[in-house]
Structures are given as C-alpha cells and as structure tokens.
C-alpha cells in the first residue's frame, strides 16, 4: 500500500483510501508509513469497513490523530 501511495503521489494524486479493519496495529503502521513517505499534503482516508471494536476504533483514531484526513465507518452501528 505504501508503494502504491508513493506511486500515486508521484503521479500528482493527493489523497488515498486505505482499506483496513482486520489488523488495527498494521493499519496504524501503514497509515504512518504513507504519511512519512508522501508527506502531510497526502490526505489519508482510513476505511475499516465497520470491523473495529469500539476500543480499537478509539485507539486507532488517537494514534493517527493529525495524520488521517478522514476515518470512514470504523464501527458497526446497531439501531
């Protein structure tokens, strides 16, 4: 994912969507590496597709504060 993000950045793209959800620690690592490789002007949207627990969603959100541009559907919402 990091190599793909760097390639897209080199082509002029300034936003990526990271599909995630199964391994929160790996998701954190990937987002940090993309941020490090592409810099702060690359917007990162993390989409764990409602697979995080409440605890993992909070932890990932806090760890990536200032890195993520958006955090899409981290939790399954049951009404």
N, C-alpha and C. Protein backbone atom coordinates (compact mmCIF):
# COMPACT_ATOMS: atom_id res chain seq x y z
N UNK A 1 0.81 -1.19 0.00
CA UNK A 1 0.00 0.00 0.00
C UNK A 1 0.85 1.26 0.00
N UNK A 2 1.96 1.19 0.71
CA UNK A 2 2.84 2.35 0.78
C UNK A 2 3.45 2.63 -0.59
N UNK A 3 3.91 1.58 -1.27
CA UNK A 3 4.49 1.76 -2.61
C UNK A 3 3.44 2.31 -3.57
N UNK A 4 2.21 1.81 -3.48
CA UNK A 4 1.14 2.32 -4.34
C UNK A 4 0.86 3.80 -4.05
N UNK A 5 0.85 4.16 -2.77
CA UNK A 5 0.61 5.56 -2.39
C UNK A 5 1.71 6.46 -2.93
N UNK A 6 2.97 6.01 -2.83
CA UNK A 6 4.09 6.80 -3.34
C UNK A 6 3.99 6.97 -4.85
N UNK A 7 3.59 5.91 -5.53
CA UNK A 7 3.43 5.98 -6.99
C UNK A 7 2.33 6.98 -7.36
N UNK A 8 1.20 6.88 -6.67
CA UNK A 8 0.09 7.81 -6.93
C UNK A 8 0.50 9.25 -6.64
N UNK A 9 1.23 9.43 -5.54
CA UNK A 9 1.71 10.77 -5.18
C UNK A 9 2.60 11.32 -6.30
N UNK A 10 3.47 10.49 -6.82
CA UNK A 10 4.34 10.90 -7.91
C UNK A 10 3.58 11.25 -9.18
N UNK A 11 2.38 10.69 -9.32
CA UNK A 11 1.54 10.99 -10.48
C UNK A 11 0.64 12.20 -10.25
N UNK A 12 0.76 12.81 -9.07
CA UNK A 12 0.01 14.03 -8.79
C UNK A 12 -1.22 13.86 -7.91
N UNK A 13 -1.53 12.63 -7.52
CA UNK A 13 -2.67 12.43 -6.62
C UNK A 13 -2.30 12.90 -5.23
N UNK A 14 -3.28 13.45 -4.52
CA UNK A 14 -3.02 13.95 -3.18
C UNK A 14 -3.98 13.38 -2.14
N UNK A 15 -4.57 12.23 -2.45
CA UNK A 15 -5.45 11.55 -1.49
C UNK A 15 -5.47 10.06 -1.79
N UNK A 16 -5.50 9.26 -0.73
CA UNK A 16 -5.61 7.81 -0.86
C UNK A 16 -6.62 7.29 0.15
N UNK A 17 -7.24 6.17 -0.19
CA UNK A 17 -8.15 5.49 0.71
C UNK A 17 -7.50 4.18 1.09
N UNK A 18 -7.32 3.96 2.38
CA UNK A 18 -6.69 2.75 2.88
C UNK A 18 -7.79 1.82 3.39
N UNK A 19 -7.96 0.69 2.70
CA UNK A 19 -8.89 -0.34 3.15
C UNK A 19 -8.24 -1.07 4.31
N UNK A 20 -8.97 -1.24 5.40
CA UNK A 20 -8.37 -1.77 6.62
C UNK A 20 -9.41 -2.56 7.41
N UNK A 21 -9.09 -2.82 8.68
CA UNK A 21 -10.08 -3.37 9.58
C UNK A 21 -9.72 -4.66 10.28
N UNK A 22 -8.93 -5.51 9.66
CA UNK A 22 -8.65 -6.82 10.26
C UNK A 22 -7.56 -6.73 11.33
N UNK A 23 -6.53 -5.93 11.06
CA UNK A 23 -5.39 -5.80 11.98
C UNK A 23 -5.15 -4.33 12.30
N UNK A 24 -5.76 -3.81 13.35
CA UNK A 24 -5.62 -2.39 13.68
C UNK A 24 -4.17 -1.92 13.81
N UNK A 25 -3.30 -2.73 14.39
CA UNK A 25 -1.90 -2.30 14.54
C UNK A 25 -1.24 -2.14 13.17
N UNK A 26 -1.54 -3.04 12.26
CA UNK A 26 -1.00 -2.92 10.91
C UNK A 26 -1.58 -1.70 10.20
N UNK A 27 -2.86 -1.43 10.43
CA UNK A 27 -3.49 -0.25 9.82
C UNK A 27 -2.81 1.03 10.28
N UNK A 28 -2.50 1.10 11.56
CA UNK A 28 -1.78 2.26 12.11
C UNK A 28 -0.43 2.39 11.43
N UNK A 29 0.30 1.28 11.35
CA UNK A 29 1.63 1.29 10.75
C UNK A 29 1.58 1.75 9.29
N UNK A 30 0.64 1.21 8.52
CA UNK A 30 0.53 1.57 7.10
C UNK A 30 0.25 3.06 6.94
N UNK A 31 -0.68 3.57 7.71
CA UNK A 31 -1.02 5.00 7.60
C UNK A 31 0.16 5.88 7.97
N UNK A 32 0.89 5.50 9.00
CA UNK A 32 2.08 6.28 9.40
C UNK A 32 3.15 6.22 8.31
N UNK A 33 3.33 5.05 7.71
CA UNK A 33 4.33 4.92 6.64
C UNK A 33 3.95 5.73 5.40
N UNK A 34 2.67 5.73 5.06
CA UNK A 34 2.22 6.53 3.92
C UNK A 34 2.45 8.01 4.21
N UNK A 35 2.11 8.42 5.40
CA UNK A 35 2.31 9.82 5.81
C UNK A 35 3.80 10.19 5.74
N UNK A 36 4.64 9.29 6.21
CA UNK A 36 6.09 9.53 6.20
C UNK A 36 6.63 9.57 4.77
N UNK A 37 6.12 8.68 3.92
CA UNK A 37 6.63 8.57 2.54
C UNK A 37 6.15 9.71 1.65
N UNK A 38 4.92 10.16 1.87
CA UNK A 38 4.32 11.14 0.95
C UNK A 38 4.25 12.55 1.53
N UNK A 39 4.33 12.67 2.83
CA UNK A 39 4.27 13.98 3.45
C UNK A 39 2.86 14.38 3.83
N UNK A 40 2.75 15.50 4.51
CA UNK A 40 1.47 15.93 5.07
C UNK A 40 0.44 16.39 4.05
N UNK A 41 0.85 16.64 2.80
CA UNK A 41 -0.16 17.07 1.82
C UNK A 41 -0.87 15.89 1.17
N UNK A 42 -0.49 14.63 1.50
CA UNK A 42 -1.22 13.46 1.02
C UNK A 42 -2.32 13.17 2.04
N UNK A 43 -3.56 13.32 1.62
CA UNK A 43 -4.69 13.06 2.51
C UNK A 43 -4.91 11.56 2.59
N UNK A 44 -5.09 11.06 3.82
CA UNK A 44 -5.28 9.64 4.04
C UNK A 44 -6.66 9.41 4.63
N UNK A 45 -7.46 8.60 3.93
CA UNK A 45 -8.78 8.20 4.41
C UNK A 45 -8.67 6.74 4.80
N UNK A 46 -8.89 6.43 6.08
CA UNK A 46 -8.86 5.06 6.57
C UNK A 46 -10.28 4.52 6.63
N UNK A 47 -10.49 3.36 5.98
CA UNK A 47 -11.81 2.74 5.93
C UNK A 47 -11.75 1.30 6.43
N UNK A 48 -12.02 1.08 7.72
CA UNK A 48 -12.00 -0.27 8.25
C UNK A 48 -13.31 -1.04 8.04
N UNK A 49 -14.22 -0.47 7.28
CA UNK A 49 -15.47 -1.13 6.88
C UNK A 49 -16.22 -1.76 8.05
N UNK A 50 -16.36 -1.00 9.11
CA UNK A 50 -17.15 -1.37 10.28
C UNK A 50 -16.62 -2.61 11.01
N UNK A 51 -15.32 -2.89 10.92
CA UNK A 51 -14.76 -4.08 11.53
C UNK A 51 -14.08 -3.84 12.88
N UNK A 52 -13.91 -2.58 13.27
CA UNK A 52 -13.25 -2.31 14.54
C UNK A 52 -14.22 -2.43 15.71
N UNK A 53 -13.68 -2.86 16.83
CA UNK A 53 -14.42 -2.74 18.09
C UNK A 53 -14.36 -1.28 18.51
N UNK A 54 -15.15 -0.91 19.47
CA UNK A 54 -15.14 0.47 19.98
C UNK A 54 -13.73 0.82 20.47
N UNK A 55 -13.13 -0.11 21.21
CA UNK A 55 -11.81 0.13 21.78
C UNK A 55 -10.76 0.33 20.68
N UNK A 56 -10.81 -0.52 19.65
CA UNK A 56 -9.84 -0.39 18.56
C UNK A 56 -10.07 0.89 17.77
N UNK A 57 -11.32 1.25 17.54
CA UNK A 57 -11.61 2.49 16.81
C UNK A 57 -11.04 3.69 17.55
N UNK A 58 -11.23 3.73 18.87
CA UNK A 58 -10.70 4.84 19.66
C UNK A 58 -9.17 4.85 19.64
N UNK A 59 -8.56 3.68 19.81
CA UNK A 59 -7.10 3.59 19.82
C UNK A 59 -6.51 4.01 18.48
N UNK A 60 -7.05 3.49 17.39
CA UNK A 60 -6.54 3.83 16.06
C UNK A 60 -6.73 5.33 15.80
N UNK A 61 -7.90 5.84 16.12
CA UNK A 61 -8.16 7.27 15.92
C UNK A 61 -7.19 8.15 16.70
N UNK A 62 -6.92 7.77 17.92
CA UNK A 62 -6.00 8.56 18.74
C UNK A 62 -4.56 8.45 18.24
N UNK A 63 -4.15 7.24 17.85
CA UNK A 63 -2.78 7.03 17.34
C UNK A 63 -2.54 7.79 16.04
N UNK A 64 -3.60 7.94 15.24
CA UNK A 64 -3.45 8.58 13.92
C UNK A 64 -3.96 10.01 13.89
N UNK A 65 -4.20 10.57 15.07
CA UNK A 65 -4.63 11.96 15.15
C UNK A 65 -3.58 12.85 14.49
N UNK A 66 -4.02 13.69 13.59
CA UNK A 66 -3.11 14.58 12.88
C UNK A 66 -2.56 13.98 11.59
N UNK A 67 -2.82 12.69 11.37
CA UNK A 67 -2.36 12.02 10.15
C UNK A 67 -3.53 11.76 9.21
N UNK A 68 -4.64 11.29 9.78
CA UNK A 68 -5.81 10.96 8.95
C UNK A 68 -6.57 12.21 8.54
N UNK A 69 -7.01 12.21 7.30
CA UNK A 69 -7.93 13.24 6.84
C UNK A 69 -9.36 12.84 7.18
N UNK A 70 -9.64 11.54 7.09
CA UNK A 70 -10.96 11.04 7.48
C UNK A 70 -10.86 9.60 7.93
N UNK A 71 -11.84 9.19 8.72
CA UNK A 71 -11.90 7.86 9.33
C UNK A 71 -13.30 7.35 9.04
N UNK A 72 -13.44 6.56 8.00
CA UNK A 72 -14.74 6.18 7.46
C UNK A 72 -15.25 4.88 8.07
N UNK A 73 -16.44 4.91 8.61
CA UNK A 73 -17.15 3.74 9.15
C UNK A 73 -16.29 2.79 9.98
N UNK A 74 -15.75 3.26 11.10
CA UNK A 74 -14.93 2.36 11.91
C UNK A 74 -15.75 1.30 12.67
N UNK A 75 -17.01 1.61 12.99
CA UNK A 75 -17.82 0.72 13.81
C UNK A 75 -19.11 0.31 13.11
N UNK A 76 -19.58 -0.89 13.46
CA UNK A 76 -20.91 -1.32 13.05
C UNK A 76 -21.90 -0.67 14.02
N UNK A 77 -22.86 0.03 13.50
CA UNK A 77 -23.84 0.70 14.35
C UNK A 77 -25.14 -0.09 14.27
N UNK A 78 -25.56 -0.57 15.43
CA UNK A 78 -26.82 -1.31 15.51
C UNK A 78 -27.87 -0.41 16.13
N UNK A 79 -28.96 -0.23 15.45
CA UNK A 79 -30.02 0.64 15.98
C UNK A 79 -31.11 -0.18 16.60
